[in-house]
Amino acid sequence: GVTVPAVTPRRLRELQVPVLALGLCRRLYGTDLGGALPPRPIQDDMVCAGQVQGGADSCKVSTAG
């Protein structure tokens, strides 16, 4: 595969997403989706936030006017 370096944004981005329960987060992130997205442990001191169905994140937030 080809590794592409991440581009650092010039502006700080903001996105409002709901905070998820740790149990739900552990189920979602504990799923093995293959080599590109292996399961990741979620610790008790972590905060999990986002849309369960996926979608926008801080890298893909739309910029409305």
N, C-alpha and C. Protein backbone atom coordinates (compact mmCIF):
# COMPACT_ATOMS: atom_id res chain seq x y z
N GLY A 1 0.81 -1.19 0.00
CA GLY A 1 0.00 0.00 0.00
C GLY A 1 0.86 1.25 0.00
N VAL A 2 0.25 2.33 -0.34
CA VAL A 2 0.91 3.62 -0.38
C VAL A 2 0.55 4.41 0.86
N THR A 3 1.53 4.96 1.53
CA THR A 3 1.29 5.80 2.70
C THR A 3 1.31 7.26 2.28
N VAL A 4 0.23 7.96 2.59
CA VAL A 4 0.14 9.38 2.25
C VAL A 4 0.22 10.17 3.54
N PRO A 5 1.14 11.12 3.66
CA PRO A 5 1.24 11.90 4.90
C PRO A 5 -0.02 12.73 5.13
N ALA A 6 -0.39 12.85 6.40
CA ALA A 6 -1.56 13.65 6.76
C ALA A 6 -1.27 15.13 6.54
N VAL A 7 -2.29 15.83 6.09
CA VAL A 7 -2.16 17.27 5.89
C VAL A 7 -2.68 17.97 7.13
N THR A 8 -1.89 18.85 7.70
CA THR A 8 -2.29 19.60 8.88
C THR A 8 -3.19 20.75 8.46
N PRO A 9 -4.41 20.83 9.03
CA PRO A 9 -5.30 21.93 8.65
C PRO A 9 -4.76 23.27 9.13
N ARG A 10 -5.08 24.33 8.41
CA ARG A 10 -4.64 25.67 8.80
C ARG A 10 -5.55 26.25 9.87
N ARG A 11 -6.77 25.73 9.99
CA ARG A 11 -7.71 26.22 10.99
C ARG A 11 -8.12 25.07 11.91
N LEU A 12 -8.32 25.41 13.17
CA LEU A 12 -8.86 24.45 14.13
C LEU A 12 -10.30 24.18 13.74
N ARG A 13 -10.70 22.93 13.69
CA ARG A 13 -12.05 22.57 13.31
C ARG A 13 -12.85 22.14 14.52
N GLU A 14 -14.14 22.33 14.43
CA GLU A 14 -15.04 21.97 15.52
C GLU A 14 -16.20 21.17 14.95
N LEU A 15 -16.63 20.19 15.71
CA LEU A 15 -17.75 19.35 15.30
C LEU A 15 -18.51 18.94 16.54
N GLN A 16 -19.83 19.07 16.50
CA GLN A 16 -20.64 18.65 17.63
C GLN A 16 -21.12 17.22 17.38
N VAL A 17 -20.77 16.33 18.30
CA VAL A 17 -21.18 14.93 18.22
C VAL A 17 -21.62 14.48 19.60
N PRO A 18 -22.51 13.50 19.67
CA PRO A 18 -22.95 13.01 20.98
C PRO A 18 -21.87 12.16 21.65
N VAL A 19 -21.86 12.20 22.98
CA VAL A 19 -21.00 11.32 23.76
C VAL A 19 -21.68 9.96 23.83
N LEU A 20 -20.92 8.89 23.59
CA LEU A 20 -21.45 7.54 23.59
C LEU A 20 -21.12 6.83 24.90
N ALA A 21 -21.99 5.95 25.32
CA ALA A 21 -21.73 5.13 26.51
C ALA A 21 -20.51 4.24 26.23
N LEU A 22 -19.70 4.01 27.26
CA LEU A 22 -18.49 3.21 27.07
C LEU A 22 -18.81 1.79 26.61
N GLY A 23 -19.90 1.21 27.10
CA GLY A 23 -20.28 -0.14 26.67
C GLY A 23 -20.53 -0.21 25.18
N LEU A 24 -21.27 0.78 24.66
CA LEU A 24 -21.55 0.84 23.23
C LEU A 24 -20.26 1.08 22.45
N CYS A 25 -19.45 1.97 22.94
CA CYS A 25 -18.18 2.27 22.29
C CYS A 25 -17.29 1.02 22.23
N ARG A 26 -17.25 0.28 23.31
CA ARG A 26 -16.43 -0.95 23.32
C ARG A 26 -16.94 -1.96 22.31
N ARG A 27 -18.27 -2.07 22.16
CA ARG A 27 -18.82 -2.99 21.17
C ARG A 27 -18.47 -2.54 19.76
N LEU A 28 -18.59 -1.24 19.49
CA LEU A 28 -18.30 -0.72 18.15
C LEU A 28 -16.82 -0.83 17.80
N TYR A 29 -15.95 -0.39 18.70
CA TYR A 29 -14.53 -0.40 18.41
C TYR A 29 -13.87 -1.74 18.65
N GLY A 30 -14.57 -2.65 19.30
CA GLY A 30 -14.03 -3.98 19.53
C GLY A 30 -14.28 -4.91 18.37
N THR A 31 -14.98 -4.44 17.34
CA THR A 31 -15.28 -5.25 16.16
C THR A 31 -14.06 -5.30 15.25
N ASP A 32 -13.70 -6.50 14.84
CA ASP A 32 -12.57 -6.67 13.94
C ASP A 32 -13.05 -6.47 12.50
N LEU A 33 -12.63 -5.39 11.88
CA LEU A 33 -13.04 -5.09 10.51
C LEU A 33 -11.90 -5.33 9.52
N GLY A 34 -10.97 -6.16 9.92
CA GLY A 34 -9.86 -6.49 9.03
C GLY A 34 -8.59 -5.73 9.38
N GLY A 35 -7.56 -5.96 8.58
CA GLY A 35 -6.25 -5.37 8.84
C GLY A 35 -6.23 -3.86 8.83
N ALA A 36 -7.10 -3.25 8.01
CA ALA A 36 -7.11 -1.79 7.93
C ALA A 36 -7.74 -1.15 9.16
N LEU A 37 -8.61 -1.88 9.85
CA LEU A 37 -9.30 -1.34 11.02
C LEU A 37 -9.45 -2.43 12.08
N PRO A 38 -8.33 -2.78 12.75
CA PRO A 38 -8.38 -3.84 13.77
C PRO A 38 -9.12 -3.35 15.01
N PRO A 39 -9.57 -4.28 15.87
CA PRO A 39 -10.25 -3.87 17.10
C PRO A 39 -9.30 -3.09 18.01
N ARG A 40 -9.85 -2.12 18.73
CA ARG A 40 -9.04 -1.29 19.62
C ARG A 40 -9.66 -1.32 21.01
N PRO A 41 -8.84 -1.46 22.05
CA PRO A 41 -9.39 -1.46 23.41
C PRO A 41 -9.80 -0.06 23.85
N ILE A 42 -10.97 0.05 24.47
CA ILE A 42 -11.45 1.31 25.02
C ILE A 42 -11.32 1.21 26.55
N GLN A 43 -10.53 2.11 27.13
CA GLN A 43 -10.26 2.10 28.57
C GLN A 43 -11.31 2.92 29.32
N ASP A 44 -11.42 2.69 30.63
CA ASP A 44 -12.39 3.40 31.47
C ASP A 44 -12.15 4.91 31.53
N ASP A 45 -10.92 5.35 31.29
CA ASP A 45 -10.62 6.78 31.38
C ASP A 45 -10.74 7.50 30.03
N MET A 46 -11.30 6.84 29.02
CA MET A 46 -11.47 7.43 27.70
C MET A 46 -12.88 7.99 27.54
N VAL A 47 -13.01 8.96 26.65
CA VAL A 47 -14.32 9.49 26.28
C VAL A 47 -14.56 9.09 24.84
N CYS A 48 -15.74 8.57 24.56
CA CYS A 48 -16.08 8.12 23.22
C CYS A 48 -17.21 9.01 22.71
N ALA A 49 -17.05 9.57 21.53
CA ALA A 49 -18.07 10.45 20.98
C ALA A 49 -18.12 10.27 19.47
N GLY A 50 -19.30 10.43 18.92
CA GLY A 50 -19.48 10.34 17.47
C GLY A 50 -20.85 9.81 17.13
N GLN A 51 -21.10 9.68 15.85
CA GLN A 51 -22.35 9.12 15.36
C GLN A 51 -22.18 7.61 15.22
N VAL A 52 -23.12 6.83 15.76
CA VAL A 52 -23.04 5.38 15.69
C VAL A 52 -22.96 4.91 14.25
N GLN A 53 -23.73 5.55 13.36
CA GLN A 53 -23.76 5.15 11.96
C GLN A 53 -22.58 5.70 11.15
N GLY A 54 -21.70 6.44 11.80
CA GLY A 54 -20.56 7.03 11.10
C GLY A 54 -20.96 8.36 10.50
N GLY A 55 -20.16 8.87 9.59
CA GLY A 55 -20.47 10.14 8.94
C GLY A 55 -19.39 11.16 9.18
N ALA A 56 -19.78 12.35 9.55
CA ALA A 56 -18.83 13.46 9.71
C ALA A 56 -17.88 13.20 10.88
N ASP A 57 -16.67 13.65 10.69
CA ASP A 57 -15.71 13.68 11.79
C ASP A 57 -14.92 14.97 11.65
N SER A 58 -13.97 15.20 12.52
CA SER A 58 -13.26 16.49 12.50
C SER A 58 -12.44 16.69 11.24
N CYS A 59 -12.22 15.64 10.47
CA CYS A 59 -11.50 15.78 9.21
C CYS A 59 -12.45 15.97 8.03
N LYS A 60 -13.73 15.59 8.21
CA LYS A 60 -14.68 15.66 7.10
C LYS A 60 -15.86 16.57 7.41
N VAL A 61 -15.71 17.49 8.31
CA VAL A 61 -16.82 18.38 8.69
C VAL A 61 -17.12 19.34 7.53
N SER A 62 -18.41 19.57 7.26
CA SER A 62 -18.75 20.50 6.19
C SER A 62 -18.52 21.92 6.67
N THR A 63 -18.17 22.79 5.77
CA THR A 63 -17.87 24.18 6.14
C THR A 63 -18.96 25.09 5.59
N ALA A 64 -20.03 25.22 6.32
CA ALA A 64 -21.12 26.12 5.92
C ALA A 64 -20.79 27.52 6.40
N GLY A 65 -20.93 28.46 5.52
CA GLY A 65 -20.66 29.75 5.66
C GLY A 65 -20.41 30.73 6.58
